[in-house]
Amino acid sequence: MEKSLMKDIVVNISDKVTIVEVSKATQKFESEIYLKKKLNGTPHEINLKSFLGLITLQLRNGDHLNIRTVGEDCKEAMEDVIGYLSQP
């Protein structure tokens, strides 16, 4: 059975970080990384490695996201994504 992790976060992206950078940074992981957000009351889940999917989610600070990572390096992938999307 594949390893997987799931975590809910609130988006807090620095002005210095672009969503393109986040997408590029996650390409190094073997794991698949999924983000789920409700848009107009409908849940949408995208693969973070898909730039088009990221555009669809229209991430903004304060958004509530569910992050799911699946694969051998899912723990490292999860930590990296949280570091980008939920900065103190």
N, C-alpha and C. Protein backbone atom coordinates (compact mmCIF):
# COMPACT_ATOMS: atom_id res chain seq x y z
N MET A 1 0.84 -1.19 0.00
CA MET A 1 0.00 0.00 0.00
C MET A 1 0.89 1.25 0.00
N GLU A 2 0.50 2.22 -0.79
CA GLU A 2 1.28 3.46 -0.91
C GLU A 2 1.14 4.31 0.35
N LYS A 3 2.22 5.01 0.67
CA LYS A 3 2.20 5.95 1.78
C LYS A 3 1.40 7.18 1.36
N SER A 4 0.69 7.75 2.33
CA SER A 4 -0.02 8.99 2.04
C SER A 4 -0.22 9.79 3.33
N LEU A 5 -0.32 11.09 3.19
CA LEU A 5 -0.57 12.01 4.29
C LEU A 5 -1.63 13.01 3.87
N MET A 6 -2.35 13.54 4.86
CA MET A 6 -3.35 14.57 4.57
C MET A 6 -3.31 15.61 5.67
N LYS A 7 -3.46 16.88 5.30
CA LYS A 7 -3.45 17.96 6.30
C LYS A 7 -4.26 19.13 5.78
N ASP A 8 -4.98 19.78 6.69
CA ASP A 8 -5.72 21.00 6.36
C ASP A 8 -4.88 22.20 6.80
N ILE A 9 -4.81 23.21 5.95
CA ILE A 9 -4.06 24.43 6.26
C ILE A 9 -4.86 25.65 5.82
N VAL A 10 -4.42 26.80 6.28
CA VAL A 10 -4.94 28.08 5.80
C VAL A 10 -3.80 28.71 5.01
N VAL A 11 -4.09 29.14 3.79
CA VAL A 11 -3.07 29.70 2.91
C VAL A 11 -2.58 31.04 3.46
N ASN A 12 -1.26 31.18 3.50
CA ASN A 12 -0.62 32.44 3.88
C ASN A 12 0.66 32.52 3.06
N ILE A 13 0.54 33.00 1.83
CA ILE A 13 1.66 33.05 0.90
C ILE A 13 2.31 34.42 0.96
N SER A 14 3.62 34.42 1.08
CA SER A 14 4.38 35.67 1.07
C SER A 14 4.26 36.33 -0.30
N ASP A 15 4.34 37.64 -0.33
CA ASP A 15 4.33 38.37 -1.60
C ASP A 15 5.51 37.99 -2.47
N LYS A 16 6.56 37.48 -1.84
CA LYS A 16 7.78 37.12 -2.57
C LYS A 16 7.68 35.77 -3.27
N VAL A 17 6.70 34.95 -2.90
CA VAL A 17 6.56 33.62 -3.46
C VAL A 17 5.42 33.61 -4.48
N THR A 18 5.72 33.12 -5.67
CA THR A 18 4.67 32.99 -6.68
C THR A 18 4.22 31.54 -6.75
N ILE A 19 3.01 31.33 -7.18
CA ILE A 19 2.48 29.98 -7.30
C ILE A 19 3.28 29.18 -8.33
N VAL A 20 3.88 29.86 -9.31
CA VAL A 20 4.73 29.19 -10.29
C VAL A 20 5.94 28.58 -9.58
N GLU A 21 6.51 29.32 -8.65
CA GLU A 21 7.66 28.81 -7.88
C GLU A 21 7.27 27.58 -7.07
N VAL A 22 6.09 27.61 -6.48
CA VAL A 22 5.62 26.47 -5.69
C VAL A 22 5.48 25.25 -6.58
N SER A 23 4.87 25.43 -7.74
CA SER A 23 4.68 24.32 -8.67
C SER A 23 6.02 23.75 -9.13
N LYS A 24 6.96 24.62 -9.47
CA LYS A 24 8.28 24.16 -9.92
C LYS A 24 9.02 23.44 -8.80
N ALA A 25 8.92 23.96 -7.58
CA ALA A 25 9.64 23.37 -6.45
C ALA A 25 9.15 21.96 -6.13
N THR A 26 7.90 21.67 -6.42
CA THR A 26 7.35 20.35 -6.09
C THR A 26 7.66 19.29 -7.15
N GLN A 27 8.19 19.70 -8.27
CA GLN A 27 8.50 18.75 -9.34
C GLN A 27 9.56 17.74 -8.92
N LYS A 28 10.38 18.07 -7.92
CA LYS A 28 11.47 17.20 -7.49
C LYS A 28 10.98 15.97 -6.72
N PHE A 29 9.73 15.99 -6.27
CA PHE A 29 9.22 14.87 -5.48
C PHE A 29 8.62 13.79 -6.36
N GLU A 30 8.83 12.54 -5.93
CA GLU A 30 8.20 11.41 -6.62
C GLU A 30 6.70 11.39 -6.32
N SER A 31 6.36 11.81 -5.10
CA SER A 31 4.97 11.78 -4.65
C SER A 31 4.08 12.69 -5.48
N GLU A 32 2.83 12.29 -5.57
CA GLU A 32 1.81 13.16 -6.14
C GLU A 32 1.31 14.06 -5.01
N ILE A 33 1.05 15.31 -5.34
CA ILE A 33 0.62 16.29 -4.34
C ILE A 33 -0.69 16.90 -4.81
N TYR A 34 -1.72 16.75 -3.99
CA TYR A 34 -3.05 17.25 -4.36
C TYR A 34 -3.50 18.35 -3.41
N LEU A 35 -4.12 19.36 -3.97
CA LEU A 35 -4.72 20.43 -3.18
C LEU A 35 -6.22 20.41 -3.43
N LYS A 36 -6.99 20.52 -2.36
CA LYS A 36 -8.45 20.56 -2.49
C LYS A 36 -8.96 21.83 -1.85
N LYS A 37 -9.82 22.53 -2.57
CA LYS A 37 -10.41 23.79 -2.12
C LYS A 37 -11.84 23.87 -2.65
N LYS A 38 -12.71 24.50 -1.88
CA LYS A 38 -14.07 24.74 -2.37
C LYS A 38 -14.11 26.02 -3.15
N LEU A 39 -14.64 25.95 -4.36
CA LEU A 39 -14.86 27.12 -5.21
C LEU A 39 -16.35 27.23 -5.45
N ASN A 40 -16.93 28.32 -5.00
CA ASN A 40 -18.38 28.53 -5.15
C ASN A 40 -19.17 27.35 -4.58
N GLY A 41 -18.70 26.82 -3.44
CA GLY A 41 -19.41 25.73 -2.78
C GLY A 41 -19.11 24.34 -3.31
N THR A 42 -18.36 24.25 -4.41
CA THR A 42 -18.03 22.96 -5.01
C THR A 42 -16.57 22.62 -4.76
N PRO A 43 -16.30 21.43 -4.17
CA PRO A 43 -14.89 21.06 -3.93
C PRO A 43 -14.16 20.76 -5.24
N HIS A 44 -12.96 21.30 -5.37
CA HIS A 44 -12.10 21.05 -6.53
C HIS A 44 -10.77 20.53 -6.01
N GLU A 45 -10.29 19.44 -6.61
CA GLU A 45 -8.99 18.89 -6.24
C GLU A 45 -8.09 18.90 -7.46
N ILE A 46 -6.89 19.42 -7.30
CA ILE A 46 -5.95 19.50 -8.41
C ILE A 46 -4.61 18.89 -7.99
N ASN A 47 -3.83 18.50 -8.97
CA ASN A 47 -2.48 18.04 -8.73
C ASN A 47 -1.60 19.29 -8.72
N LEU A 48 -0.85 19.49 -7.63
CA LEU A 48 -0.03 20.69 -7.49
C LEU A 48 1.01 20.80 -8.59
N LYS A 49 1.38 19.68 -9.18
CA LYS A 49 2.39 19.71 -10.25
C LYS A 49 1.80 20.21 -11.57
N SER A 50 0.49 20.39 -11.60
CA SER A 50 -0.19 20.89 -12.79
C SER A 50 -0.39 22.40 -12.67
N PHE A 51 0.34 23.16 -13.46
CA PHE A 51 0.22 24.62 -13.41
C PHE A 51 -1.20 25.06 -13.76
N LEU A 52 -1.80 24.42 -14.74
CA LEU A 52 -3.17 24.76 -15.14
C LEU A 52 -4.14 24.54 -13.97
N GLY A 53 -3.94 23.46 -13.24
CA GLY A 53 -4.78 23.19 -12.07
C GLY A 53 -4.65 24.28 -11.03
N LEU A 54 -3.43 24.77 -10.83
CA LEU A 54 -3.20 25.84 -9.87
C LEU A 54 -3.94 27.11 -10.24
N ILE A 55 -3.95 27.41 -11.52
CA ILE A 55 -4.69 28.59 -11.99
C ILE A 55 -6.17 28.43 -11.68
N THR A 56 -6.68 27.22 -11.85
CA THR A 56 -8.09 26.93 -11.59
C THR A 56 -8.47 27.20 -10.13
N LEU A 57 -7.57 26.85 -9.19
CA LEU A 57 -7.89 27.02 -7.77
C LEU A 57 -7.90 28.46 -7.30
N GLN A 58 -7.19 29.35 -8.00
CA GLN A 58 -7.17 30.77 -7.63
C GLN A 58 -6.86 30.95 -6.14
N LEU A 59 -5.70 30.46 -5.71
CA LEU A 59 -5.33 30.53 -4.30
C LEU A 59 -5.14 31.96 -3.83
N ARG A 60 -5.67 32.22 -2.64
CA ARG A 60 -5.54 33.53 -2.01
C ARG A 60 -5.26 33.32 -0.52
N ASN A 61 -4.59 34.27 0.09
CA ASN A 61 -4.36 34.20 1.53
C ASN A 61 -5.70 34.10 2.25
N GLY A 62 -5.74 33.23 3.24
CA GLY A 62 -6.97 33.00 4.00
C GLY A 62 -7.79 31.82 3.50
N ASP A 63 -7.47 31.30 2.31
CA ASP A 63 -8.18 30.13 1.79
C ASP A 63 -7.88 28.91 2.66
N HIS A 64 -8.89 28.07 2.83
CA HIS A 64 -8.72 26.80 3.54
C HIS A 64 -8.47 25.72 2.50
N LEU A 65 -7.36 24.99 2.67
CA LEU A 65 -6.98 23.94 1.73
C LEU A 65 -6.81 22.62 2.45
N ASN A 66 -7.06 21.55 1.73
CA ASN A 66 -6.69 20.22 2.18
C ASN A 66 -5.54 19.78 1.27
N ILE A 67 -4.42 19.40 1.87
CA ILE A 67 -3.27 18.92 1.11
C ILE A 67 -3.18 17.42 1.31
N ARG A 68 -2.99 16.69 0.21
CA ARG A 68 -2.82 15.24 0.27
C ARG A 68 -1.60 14.88 -0.55
N THR A 69 -0.67 14.14 0.06
CA THR A 69 0.52 13.68 -0.65
C THR A 69 0.49 12.16 -0.68
N VAL A 70 0.87 11.59 -1.82
CA VAL A 70 0.82 10.14 -2.00
C VAL A 70 2.12 9.69 -2.66
N GLY A 71 2.88 8.83 -1.96
CA GLY A 71 4.11 8.30 -2.54
C GLY A 71 5.18 8.10 -1.48
N GLU A 72 6.32 7.59 -1.91
CA GLU A 72 7.41 7.26 -0.99
C GLU A 72 7.94 8.47 -0.22
N ASP A 73 8.01 9.63 -0.86
CA ASP A 73 8.56 10.81 -0.19
C ASP A 73 7.44 11.78 0.22
N CYS A 74 6.28 11.22 0.59
CA CYS A 74 5.10 12.04 0.90
C CYS A 74 5.34 12.96 2.10
N LYS A 75 6.10 12.50 3.09
CA LYS A 75 6.35 13.34 4.27
C LYS A 75 7.15 14.58 3.89
N GLU A 76 8.21 14.39 3.12
CA GLU A 76 9.04 15.52 2.69
C GLU A 76 8.26 16.46 1.78
N ALA A 77 7.45 15.88 0.90
CA ALA A 77 6.62 16.69 -0.01
C ALA A 77 5.63 17.53 0.79
N MET A 78 5.00 16.92 1.79
CA MET A 78 4.03 17.64 2.61
C MET A 78 4.70 18.81 3.33
N GLU A 79 5.85 18.55 3.95
CA GLU A 79 6.56 19.61 4.68
C GLU A 79 6.93 20.77 3.76
N ASP A 80 7.38 20.44 2.54
CA ASP A 80 7.78 21.46 1.59
C ASP A 80 6.59 22.32 1.15
N VAL A 81 5.49 21.68 0.84
CA VAL A 81 4.29 22.39 0.39
C VAL A 81 3.75 23.29 1.50
N ILE A 82 3.71 22.77 2.71
CA ILE A 82 3.23 23.58 3.84
C ILE A 82 4.15 24.78 4.03
N GLY A 83 5.46 24.58 3.86
CA GLY A 83 6.41 25.67 3.99
C GLY A 83 6.16 26.79 2.98
N TYR A 84 5.74 26.43 1.78
CA TYR A 84 5.45 27.43 0.76
C TYR A 84 4.10 28.11 0.96
N LEU A 85 3.09 27.31 1.29
CA LEU A 85 1.72 27.82 1.29
C LEU A 85 1.23 28.34 2.64
N SER A 86 1.95 28.07 3.70
CA SER A 86 1.49 28.46 5.03
C SER A 86 2.64 29.06 5.81
N GLN A 87 3.14 30.18 5.36
CA GLN A 87 4.29 30.82 6.00
C GLN A 87 3.82 31.65 7.18
N PRO A 88 4.60 31.61 8.28
CA PRO A 88 4.20 32.37 9.48
C PRO A 88 4.28 33.88 9.25
